[in-house]
Amino acid sequence: MLLRRLTLLGFCLCLLVLQEYALSFVPQVQISTLLLLIYSKNFNFKEMFILLVSYVLLDNLLMGTFRIEFVLAMFISWFIYVFINKTIFKNEENELKLALTGAIFAFIYSWAFVGVSILVLEVKFLEYLLLDIPFEIALAIV
């Protein structure tokens, strides 16, 4: 990997983390999905893998939520999103389709944490799901 690409990757990672902190005062509002869509259109799989691992680790370390169960759920769900963008929607330029994919992914991302949250937090499945729906919808809208 060229130094130029690695530097660009570092700046993109910085932007990804900073936007999350800048928007953290508003629940479920962030542009991570949009940024990862843009990045996945411009970086290859190897570069995206490095970016995702770095982002997930940094996000969890800085936010104080570092539990391996949540880290794995977060990494797997973000990797699925990037994989879909790099394969199925590789040549897609229609903004509406890409936005719809991002909205659908918001639910997939949220559902990736359901099983982990139930086990770790020891809450009932139905209660957790019902309480999480408004936040899933908010994440999908953003």
N, C-alpha and C. Protein backbone atom coordinates (compact mmCIF):
# COMPACT_ATOMS: atom_id res chain seq x y z
N MET A 1 0.85 -1.17 0.00
CA MET A 1 0.00 0.00 0.00
C MET A 1 0.90 1.24 0.00
N LEU A 2 0.61 2.14 -0.86
CA LEU A 2 1.40 3.36 -0.96
C LEU A 2 1.18 4.24 0.27
N LEU A 3 2.19 5.00 0.61
CA LEU A 3 2.11 5.90 1.76
C LEU A 3 0.97 6.91 1.58
N ARG A 4 0.77 7.34 0.35
CA ARG A 4 -0.30 8.30 0.06
C ARG A 4 -1.67 7.71 0.39
N ARG A 5 -1.90 6.46 0.00
CA ARG A 5 -3.19 5.79 0.28
C ARG A 5 -3.36 5.56 1.78
N LEU A 6 -2.28 5.19 2.44
CA LEU A 6 -2.33 4.95 3.88
C LEU A 6 -2.64 6.24 4.63
N THR A 7 -2.05 7.34 4.19
CA THR A 7 -2.33 8.64 4.79
C THR A 7 -3.78 9.03 4.57
N LEU A 8 -4.27 8.83 3.37
CA LEU A 8 -5.67 9.12 3.06
C LEU A 8 -6.60 8.27 3.92
N LEU A 9 -6.25 7.02 4.09
CA LEU A 9 -7.02 6.11 4.94
C LEU A 9 -7.05 6.63 6.38
N GLY A 10 -5.91 7.13 6.86
CA GLY A 10 -5.84 7.70 8.21
C GLY A 10 -6.74 8.91 8.37
N PHE A 11 -6.76 9.78 7.37
CA PHE A 11 -7.64 10.95 7.41
C PHE A 11 -9.11 10.52 7.39
N CYS A 12 -9.42 9.53 6.60
CA CYS A 12 -10.80 9.04 6.54
C CYS A 12 -11.22 8.43 7.87
N LEU A 13 -10.33 7.70 8.50
CA LEU A 13 -10.60 7.14 9.82
C LEU A 13 -10.83 8.25 10.83
N CYS A 14 -10.01 9.27 10.77
CA CYS A 14 -10.15 10.42 11.67
C CYS A 14 -11.52 11.09 11.49
N LEU A 15 -11.92 11.29 10.25
CA LEU A 15 -13.22 11.89 9.95
C LEU A 15 -14.35 11.01 10.46
N LEU A 16 -14.22 9.72 10.30
CA LEU A 16 -15.24 8.77 10.74
C LEU A 16 -15.43 8.83 12.26
N VAL A 17 -14.33 8.88 12.98
CA VAL A 17 -14.40 8.93 14.45
C VAL A 17 -14.87 10.31 14.92
N LEU A 18 -14.35 11.37 14.32
CA LEU A 18 -14.71 12.72 14.74
C LEU A 18 -16.18 13.04 14.53
N GLN A 19 -16.74 12.59 13.41
CA GLN A 19 -18.16 12.88 13.18
C GLN A 19 -19.03 12.20 14.21
N GLU A 20 -18.60 11.03 14.66
CA GLU A 20 -19.38 10.33 15.68
C GLU A 20 -19.37 11.11 17.00
N TYR A 21 -18.22 11.64 17.36
CA TYR A 21 -18.12 12.44 18.58
C TYR A 21 -18.86 13.77 18.43
N ALA A 22 -18.74 14.40 17.28
CA ALA A 22 -19.39 15.69 17.05
C ALA A 22 -20.90 15.57 17.11
N LEU A 23 -21.43 14.43 16.69
CA LEU A 23 -22.88 14.24 16.67
C LEU A 23 -23.38 13.38 17.84
N SER A 24 -22.52 13.09 18.79
CA SER A 24 -22.91 12.19 19.88
C SER A 24 -23.95 12.77 20.83
N PHE A 25 -24.14 14.09 20.81
CA PHE A 25 -25.14 14.69 21.69
C PHE A 25 -26.56 14.46 21.18
N VAL A 26 -26.71 14.03 19.95
CA VAL A 26 -28.02 13.72 19.38
C VAL A 26 -28.10 12.20 19.22
N PRO A 27 -29.04 11.54 19.91
CA PRO A 27 -29.10 10.07 19.84
C PRO A 27 -29.36 9.55 18.42
N GLN A 28 -28.63 8.52 18.05
CA GLN A 28 -28.79 7.81 16.78
C GLN A 28 -28.52 8.66 15.55
N VAL A 29 -27.86 9.79 15.70
CA VAL A 29 -27.56 10.63 14.54
C VAL A 29 -26.05 10.58 14.30
N GLN A 30 -25.68 10.04 13.16
CA GLN A 30 -24.30 10.02 12.71
C GLN A 30 -24.30 9.73 11.21
N ILE A 31 -23.20 10.04 10.58
CA ILE A 31 -23.13 9.82 9.14
C ILE A 31 -22.13 8.72 8.79
N SER A 32 -21.94 7.80 9.71
CA SER A 32 -21.00 6.69 9.49
C SER A 32 -21.37 5.88 8.26
N THR A 33 -22.65 5.60 8.10
CA THR A 33 -23.10 4.80 6.96
C THR A 33 -22.76 5.50 5.65
N LEU A 34 -23.02 6.78 5.58
CA LEU A 34 -22.71 7.55 4.37
C LEU A 34 -21.20 7.57 4.11
N LEU A 35 -20.43 7.82 5.15
CA LEU A 35 -18.98 7.86 4.97
C LEU A 35 -18.43 6.50 4.53
N LEU A 36 -18.92 5.43 5.14
CA LEU A 36 -18.44 4.10 4.75
C LEU A 36 -18.87 3.74 3.33
N LEU A 37 -20.02 4.24 2.91
CA LEU A 37 -20.44 4.05 1.52
C LEU A 37 -19.45 4.74 0.58
N ILE A 38 -19.14 5.98 0.88
CA ILE A 38 -18.20 6.74 0.04
C ILE A 38 -16.83 6.08 0.05
N TYR A 39 -16.38 5.68 1.23
CA TYR A 39 -15.06 5.03 1.33
C TYR A 39 -15.03 3.72 0.57
N SER A 40 -16.12 2.95 0.66
CA SER A 40 -16.13 1.64 -0.02
C SER A 40 -16.13 1.79 -1.54
N LYS A 41 -16.56 2.93 -2.03
CA LYS A 41 -16.52 3.19 -3.47
C LYS A 41 -15.11 3.58 -3.93
N ASN A 42 -14.27 4.01 -2.98
CA ASN A 42 -12.96 4.54 -3.35
C ASN A 42 -11.76 3.73 -2.86
N PHE A 43 -11.99 2.83 -1.92
CA PHE A 43 -10.91 2.00 -1.40
C PHE A 43 -11.16 0.54 -1.75
N ASN A 44 -10.10 -0.25 -1.84
CA ASN A 44 -10.26 -1.67 -2.12
C ASN A 44 -10.59 -2.44 -0.83
N PHE A 45 -10.81 -3.75 -0.95
CA PHE A 45 -11.20 -4.57 0.20
C PHE A 45 -10.15 -4.53 1.32
N LYS A 46 -8.90 -4.63 0.95
CA LYS A 46 -7.83 -4.65 1.96
C LYS A 46 -7.81 -3.34 2.74
N GLU A 47 -7.91 -2.23 2.02
CA GLU A 47 -7.92 -0.93 2.68
C GLU A 47 -9.15 -0.75 3.55
N MET A 48 -10.29 -1.22 3.07
CA MET A 48 -11.52 -1.12 3.86
C MET A 48 -11.45 -2.00 5.10
N PHE A 49 -10.82 -3.15 4.99
CA PHE A 49 -10.67 -4.03 6.14
C PHE A 49 -9.83 -3.34 7.22
N ILE A 50 -8.74 -2.72 6.81
CA ILE A 50 -7.88 -1.99 7.75
C ILE A 50 -8.66 -0.85 8.39
N LEU A 51 -9.43 -0.12 7.57
CA LEU A 51 -10.23 0.99 8.07
C LEU A 51 -11.27 0.51 9.07
N LEU A 52 -11.98 -0.57 8.75
CA LEU A 52 -13.02 -1.09 9.63
C LEU A 52 -12.47 -1.58 10.96
N VAL A 53 -11.40 -2.34 10.91
CA VAL A 53 -10.79 -2.83 12.16
C VAL A 53 -10.36 -1.65 13.02
N SER A 54 -9.71 -0.68 12.41
CA SER A 54 -9.25 0.50 13.15
C SER A 54 -10.43 1.28 13.72
N TYR A 55 -11.45 1.48 12.91
CA TYR A 55 -12.62 2.25 13.35
C TYR A 55 -13.34 1.56 14.50
N VAL A 56 -13.60 0.29 14.36
CA VAL A 56 -14.34 -0.43 15.41
C VAL A 56 -13.55 -0.44 16.71
N LEU A 57 -12.26 -0.71 16.64
CA LEU A 57 -11.44 -0.71 17.85
C LEU A 57 -11.36 0.68 18.48
N LEU A 58 -11.11 1.70 17.67
CA LEU A 58 -11.05 3.07 18.19
C LEU A 58 -12.38 3.51 18.77
N ASP A 59 -13.45 3.25 18.07
CA ASP A 59 -14.77 3.64 18.53
C ASP A 59 -15.07 3.03 19.89
N ASN A 60 -14.82 1.75 20.02
CA ASN A 60 -15.13 1.08 21.28
C ASN A 60 -14.18 1.47 22.40
N LEU A 61 -12.93 1.70 22.09
CA LEU A 61 -11.98 2.14 23.12
C LEU A 61 -12.28 3.56 23.59
N LEU A 62 -12.56 4.45 22.65
CA LEU A 62 -12.80 5.85 23.01
C LEU A 62 -14.16 6.07 23.67
N MET A 63 -15.15 5.31 23.26
CA MET A 63 -16.49 5.45 23.83
C MET A 63 -16.64 4.68 25.15
N GLY A 64 -15.66 3.86 25.47
CA GLY A 64 -15.72 3.11 26.72
C GLY A 64 -16.65 1.92 26.69
N THR A 65 -16.92 1.41 25.50
CA THR A 65 -17.85 0.27 25.37
C THR A 65 -17.14 -0.98 24.91
N PHE A 66 -15.88 -1.09 25.25
CA PHE A 66 -15.07 -2.19 24.72
C PHE A 66 -15.40 -3.52 25.41
N ARG A 67 -16.31 -4.26 24.80
CA ARG A 67 -16.60 -5.65 25.18
C ARG A 67 -16.52 -6.45 23.90
N ILE A 68 -15.84 -7.56 23.95
CA ILE A 68 -15.58 -8.34 22.74
C ILE A 68 -16.86 -8.71 22.01
N GLU A 69 -17.94 -8.97 22.76
CA GLU A 69 -19.21 -9.33 22.13
C GLU A 69 -19.73 -8.19 21.25
N PHE A 70 -19.68 -6.98 21.77
CA PHE A 70 -20.17 -5.82 21.02
C PHE A 70 -19.21 -5.46 19.89
N VAL A 71 -17.92 -5.60 20.14
CA VAL A 71 -16.93 -5.30 19.10
C VAL A 71 -17.13 -6.22 17.90
N LEU A 72 -17.32 -7.51 18.16
CA LEU A 72 -17.54 -8.46 17.07
C LEU A 72 -18.83 -8.17 16.31
N ALA A 73 -19.91 -7.88 17.04
CA ALA A 73 -21.19 -7.56 16.38
C ALA A 73 -21.05 -6.32 15.51
N MET A 74 -20.37 -5.33 16.03
CA MET A 74 -20.17 -4.09 15.28
C MET A 74 -19.31 -4.32 14.04
N PHE A 75 -18.21 -5.03 14.21
CA PHE A 75 -17.32 -5.28 13.08
C PHE A 75 -18.02 -6.10 12.00
N ILE A 76 -18.70 -7.16 12.39
CA ILE A 76 -19.38 -8.03 11.41
C ILE A 76 -20.44 -7.25 10.65
N SER A 77 -21.23 -6.45 11.36
CA SER A 77 -22.29 -5.71 10.67
C SER A 77 -21.71 -4.65 9.72
N TRP A 78 -20.67 -3.93 10.15
CA TRP A 78 -20.06 -2.95 9.24
C TRP A 78 -19.40 -3.64 8.05
N PHE A 79 -18.79 -4.80 8.29
CA PHE A 79 -18.17 -5.53 7.20
C PHE A 79 -19.22 -5.98 6.18
N ILE A 80 -20.38 -6.43 6.66
CA ILE A 80 -21.47 -6.82 5.76
C ILE A 80 -21.88 -5.64 4.89
N TYR A 81 -22.00 -4.46 5.50
CA TYR A 81 -22.39 -3.27 4.75
C TYR A 81 -21.36 -2.94 3.66
N VAL A 82 -20.11 -2.96 4.02
CA VAL A 82 -19.05 -2.68 3.05
C VAL A 82 -19.02 -3.76 1.97
N PHE A 83 -19.17 -5.01 2.36
CA PHE A 83 -19.17 -6.11 1.39
C PHE A 83 -20.31 -5.96 0.38
N ILE A 84 -21.49 -5.60 0.86
CA ILE A 84 -22.64 -5.39 -0.03
C ILE A 84 -22.35 -4.24 -1.00
N ASN A 85 -21.77 -3.17 -0.49
CA ASN A 85 -21.45 -2.03 -1.35
C ASN A 85 -20.35 -2.34 -2.36
N LYS A 86 -19.42 -3.20 -1.99
CA LYS A 86 -18.31 -3.54 -2.88
C LYS A 86 -18.67 -4.63 -3.89
N THR A 87 -19.76 -5.37 -3.65
CA THR A 87 -20.14 -6.45 -4.57
C THR A 87 -21.46 -6.15 -5.27
N ILE A 88 -22.55 -6.20 -4.55
CA ILE A 88 -23.87 -6.03 -5.16
C ILE A 88 -24.05 -4.63 -5.74
N PHE A 89 -23.64 -3.61 -4.99
CA PHE A 89 -23.83 -2.23 -5.43
C PHE A 89 -22.54 -1.58 -5.92
N LYS A 90 -21.65 -2.41 -6.43
CA LYS A 90 -20.33 -1.94 -6.87
C LYS A 90 -20.44 -0.82 -7.91
N ASN A 91 -21.30 -0.99 -8.89
CA ASN A 91 -21.42 -0.01 -9.97
C ASN A 91 -22.68 0.83 -9.85
N GLU A 92 -23.35 0.74 -8.73
CA GLU A 92 -24.61 1.49 -8.54
C GLU A 92 -24.30 2.97 -8.30
N GLU A 93 -24.98 3.82 -9.04
CA GLU A 93 -24.81 5.26 -8.89
C GLU A 93 -26.10 5.95 -8.49
N ASN A 94 -27.20 5.21 -8.47
CA ASN A 94 -28.50 5.77 -8.12
C ASN A 94 -28.52 6.09 -6.62
N GLU A 95 -28.62 7.37 -6.29
CA GLU A 95 -28.58 7.80 -4.89
C GLU A 95 -29.74 7.23 -4.09
N LEU A 96 -30.91 7.10 -4.71
CA LEU A 96 -32.07 6.58 -3.99
C LEU A 96 -31.87 5.13 -3.58
N LYS A 97 -31.34 4.33 -4.48
CA LYS A 97 -31.07 2.92 -4.15
C LYS A 97 -30.02 2.80 -3.06
N LEU A 98 -28.99 3.62 -3.16
CA LEU A 98 -27.93 3.59 -2.14
C LEU A 98 -28.45 4.08 -0.79
N ALA A 99 -29.31 5.10 -0.81
CA ALA A 99 -29.90 5.59 0.44
C ALA A 99 -30.82 4.53 1.06
N LEU A 100 -31.58 3.85 0.22
CA LEU A 100 -32.45 2.79 0.71
C LEU A 100 -31.64 1.65 1.31
N THR A 101 -30.53 1.33 0.67
CA THR A 101 -29.63 0.30 1.21
C THR A 101 -29.11 0.72 2.59
N GLY A 102 -28.75 1.99 2.72
CA GLY A 102 -28.28 2.50 4.02
C GLY A 102 -29.36 2.44 5.08
N ALA A 103 -30.61 2.75 4.69
CA ALA A 103 -31.72 2.69 5.64
C ALA A 103 -32.00 1.25 6.08
N ILE A 104 -31.97 0.34 5.14
CA ILE A 104 -32.17 -1.07 5.47
C ILE A 104 -31.03 -1.57 6.36
N PHE A 105 -29.83 -1.12 6.04
CA PHE A 105 -28.68 -1.53 6.84
C PHE A 105 -28.81 -1.07 8.29
N ALA A 106 -29.45 0.07 8.53
CA ALA A 106 -29.63 0.55 9.90
C ALA A 106 -30.33 -0.50 10.76
N PHE A 107 -31.30 -1.18 10.17
CA PHE A 107 -32.00 -2.25 10.91
C PHE A 107 -31.08 -3.46 11.10
N ILE A 108 -30.35 -3.82 10.07
CA ILE A 108 -29.42 -4.95 10.17
C ILE A 108 -28.37 -4.66 11.24
N TYR A 109 -27.85 -3.45 11.24
CA TYR A 109 -26.85 -3.04 12.23
C TYR A 109 -27.42 -3.15 13.64
N SER A 110 -28.63 -2.64 13.82
CA SER A 110 -29.27 -2.70 15.14
C SER A 110 -29.55 -4.13 15.57
N TRP A 111 -30.01 -4.95 14.64
CA TRP A 111 -30.35 -6.34 14.98
C TRP A 111 -29.10 -7.17 15.30
N ALA A 112 -27.95 -6.74 14.80
CA ALA A 112 -26.71 -7.45 15.11
C ALA A 112 -26.41 -7.40 16.61
N PHE A 113 -26.94 -6.40 17.27
CA PHE A 113 -26.68 -6.23 18.71
C PHE A 113 -27.77 -6.84 19.59
N VAL A 114 -28.86 -7.28 19.02
CA VAL A 114 -29.97 -7.81 19.82
C VAL A 114 -29.53 -9.02 20.64
N GLY A 115 -28.98 -10.02 19.98
CA GLY A 115 -28.57 -11.24 20.68
C GLY A 115 -27.52 -10.96 21.74
N VAL A 116 -26.55 -10.15 21.38
CA VAL A 116 -25.47 -9.81 22.32
C VAL A 116 -26.03 -9.05 23.52
N SER A 117 -26.90 -8.09 23.26
CA SER A 117 -27.47 -7.28 24.34
C SER A 117 -28.32 -8.12 25.27
N ILE A 118 -29.07 -9.05 24.72
CA ILE A 118 -29.91 -9.92 25.55
C ILE A 118 -29.04 -10.77 26.47
N LEU A 119 -27.96 -11.31 25.94
CA LEU A 119 -27.07 -12.14 26.75
C LEU A 119 -26.30 -11.32 27.79
N VAL A 120 -25.76 -10.20 27.38
CA VAL A 120 -24.91 -9.41 28.27
C VAL A 120 -25.75 -8.64 29.29
N LEU A 121 -26.81 -8.00 28.83
CA LEU A 121 -27.63 -7.17 29.72
C LEU A 121 -28.72 -7.95 30.44
N GLU A 122 -28.92 -9.20 30.04
CA GLU A 122 -29.93 -10.09 30.64
C GLU A 122 -31.33 -9.47 30.62
N VAL A 123 -31.74 -9.05 29.42
CA VAL A 123 -33.08 -8.52 29.23
C VAL A 123 -33.87 -9.49 28.36
N LYS A 124 -35.18 -9.34 28.39
CA LYS A 124 -36.04 -10.21 27.59
C LYS A 124 -36.04 -9.74 26.14
N PHE A 125 -36.12 -10.72 25.24
CA PHE A 125 -36.03 -10.46 23.80
C PHE A 125 -37.10 -9.47 23.34
N LEU A 126 -38.35 -9.75 23.64
CA LEU A 126 -39.46 -8.92 23.16
C LEU A 126 -39.37 -7.50 23.73
N GLU A 127 -39.04 -7.39 25.00
CA GLU A 127 -38.92 -6.06 25.61
C GLU A 127 -37.81 -5.26 24.92
N TYR A 128 -36.68 -5.89 24.74
CA TYR A 128 -35.55 -5.21 24.11
C TYR A 128 -35.92 -4.77 22.69
N LEU A 129 -36.54 -5.67 21.94
CA LEU A 129 -36.90 -5.37 20.56
C LEU A 129 -37.89 -4.21 20.48
N LEU A 130 -38.90 -4.23 21.34
CA LEU A 130 -39.90 -3.16 21.33
C LEU A 130 -39.30 -1.81 21.72
N LEU A 131 -38.42 -1.82 22.71
CA LEU A 131 -37.80 -0.57 23.14
C LEU A 131 -36.78 -0.06 22.13
N ASP A 132 -36.24 -0.94 21.32
CA ASP A 132 -35.21 -0.56 20.36
C ASP A 132 -35.77 -0.05 19.04
N ILE A 133 -37.02 -0.38 18.74
CA ILE A 133 -37.61 -0.02 17.44
C ILE A 133 -37.55 1.48 17.15
N PRO A 134 -37.92 2.37 18.09
CA PRO A 134 -37.81 3.81 17.77
C PRO A 134 -36.39 4.24 17.41
N PHE A 135 -35.41 3.67 18.08
CA PHE A 135 -34.02 4.02 17.79
C PHE A 135 -33.58 3.46 16.43
N GLU A 136 -34.09 2.29 16.08
CA GLU A 136 -33.79 1.71 14.77
C GLU A 136 -34.36 2.58 13.66
N ILE A 137 -35.59 3.04 13.86
CA ILE A 137 -36.24 3.90 12.87
C ILE A 137 -35.48 5.22 12.74
N ALA A 138 -35.09 5.80 13.87
CA ALA A 138 -34.32 7.05 13.83
C ALA A 138 -33.00 6.87 13.09
N LEU A 139 -32.33 5.76 13.34
CA LEU A 139 -31.07 5.48 12.65
C LEU A 139 -31.29 5.30 11.15
N ALA A 140 -32.39 4.66 10.79
CA ALA A 140 -32.70 4.44 9.37
C ALA A 140 -33.02 5.75 8.66
N ILE A 141 -33.69 6.65 9.35
CA ILE A 141 -34.05 7.94 8.74
C ILE A 141 -32.81 8.80 8.50
N VAL A 142 -31.91 8.77 9.45
CA VAL A 142 -30.69 9.58 9.33
C VAL A 142 -29.83 8.99 8.25
